Amino acid sequence: MAKIQVTLVSGAVVDVETTDKIADDMVAAFARYVSGKRTPEKRTILTPSQSIYVDFSKAAIVRRAS
């Protein structure tokens, strides 16, 4: 398992625990958004009963914490 920390523009920090692959994909998606304003098209599925959508326009930092 891996932890993602999303720091919002407001300064609030949100932690998300997920698999290593999903963590890497979320960090890469944020990097693509920052470099070319390419917004992800869908939510990230964490488990069969959980998904997340991060509005990257409101995020300052998305990093893998572990």
Protein backbone atom coordinates (compact mmCIF):
# COMPACT_ATOMS: atom_id res chain seq x y z
CA MET A 1 0.00 0.00 0.00
CA ALA A 2 1.03 3.58 -0.61
CA LYS A 3 -0.11 6.93 0.71
CA ILE A 4 -0.77 9.97 -1.44
CA GLN A 5 -0.80 13.42 0.13
CA VAL A 6 -2.78 16.06 -1.73
CA THR A 7 -2.07 19.59 -0.53
CA LEU A 8 -4.83 21.94 -1.61
CA VAL A 9 -4.33 25.59 -2.52
CA SER A 10 -6.08 26.44 0.76
CA GLY A 11 -3.32 24.62 2.66
CA ALA A 12 -5.46 21.67 3.74
CA VAL A 13 -3.87 18.25 3.34
CA VAL A 14 -5.80 15.14 2.32
CA ASP A 15 -4.24 11.68 2.69
CA VAL A 16 -5.36 8.80 0.49
CA GLU A 17 -4.18 5.20 0.94
CA THR A 18 -4.14 3.10 -2.19
CA THR A 19 -2.04 0.63 -4.16
CA ASP A 20 1.44 1.47 -5.41
CA LYS A 21 0.27 1.56 -9.03
CA ILE A 22 -2.66 3.87 -8.39
CA ALA A 23 -0.42 6.15 -6.30
CA ASP A 24 2.10 6.39 -9.12
CA ASP A 25 -0.68 7.01 -11.66
CA MET A 26 -2.19 9.85 -9.56
CA VAL A 27 1.18 11.59 -9.19
CA ALA A 28 1.82 11.22 -12.92
CA ALA A 29 -1.66 12.55 -13.76
CA PHE A 30 -1.00 15.65 -11.64
CA ALA A 31 2.35 16.19 -13.38
CA ARG A 32 0.62 15.96 -16.79
CA TYR A 33 -2.01 18.45 -15.60
CA VAL A 34 0.64 20.93 -14.43
CA SER A 35 2.72 20.63 -17.58
CA GLY A 36 -0.06 20.73 -20.14
CA LYS A 37 -3.38 21.37 -18.36
CA ARG A 38 -4.56 17.88 -19.35
CA THR A 39 -7.35 17.08 -16.93
CA PRO A 40 -8.01 13.42 -16.11
CA GLU A 41 -11.19 12.18 -17.75
CA LYS A 42 -12.48 9.98 -14.95
CA ARG A 43 -12.37 9.22 -11.29
CA THR A 44 -9.67 6.98 -9.88
CA ILE A 45 -11.08 3.70 -8.61
CA LEU A 46 -9.46 2.81 -5.29
CA THR A 47 -11.50 -0.30 -4.44
CA PRO A 48 -14.70 -1.79 -5.87
CA SER A 49 -16.67 0.42 -3.47
CA GLN A 50 -14.47 3.57 -3.38
CA SER A 51 -13.36 6.09 -5.96
CA ILE A 52 -11.81 9.55 -5.84
CA TYR A 53 -11.70 12.55 -8.11
CA VAL A 54 -9.13 15.23 -7.36
CA ASP A 55 -9.85 18.63 -8.93
CA PHE A 56 -6.26 19.43 -9.86
CA SER A 57 -7.10 23.12 -10.30
CA LYS A 58 -7.55 23.23 -6.51
CA ALA A 59 -4.44 21.17 -5.71
CA ALA A 60 -1.05 22.70 -5.09
CA ILE A 61 0.92 19.49 -4.54
CA VAL A 62 0.19 15.80 -5.13
CA ARG A 63 2.95 13.58 -3.79
CA ARG A 64 3.53 10.01 -2.84
CA ALA A 65 4.31 9.86 0.87
CA SER A 66 5.23 6.18 1.10
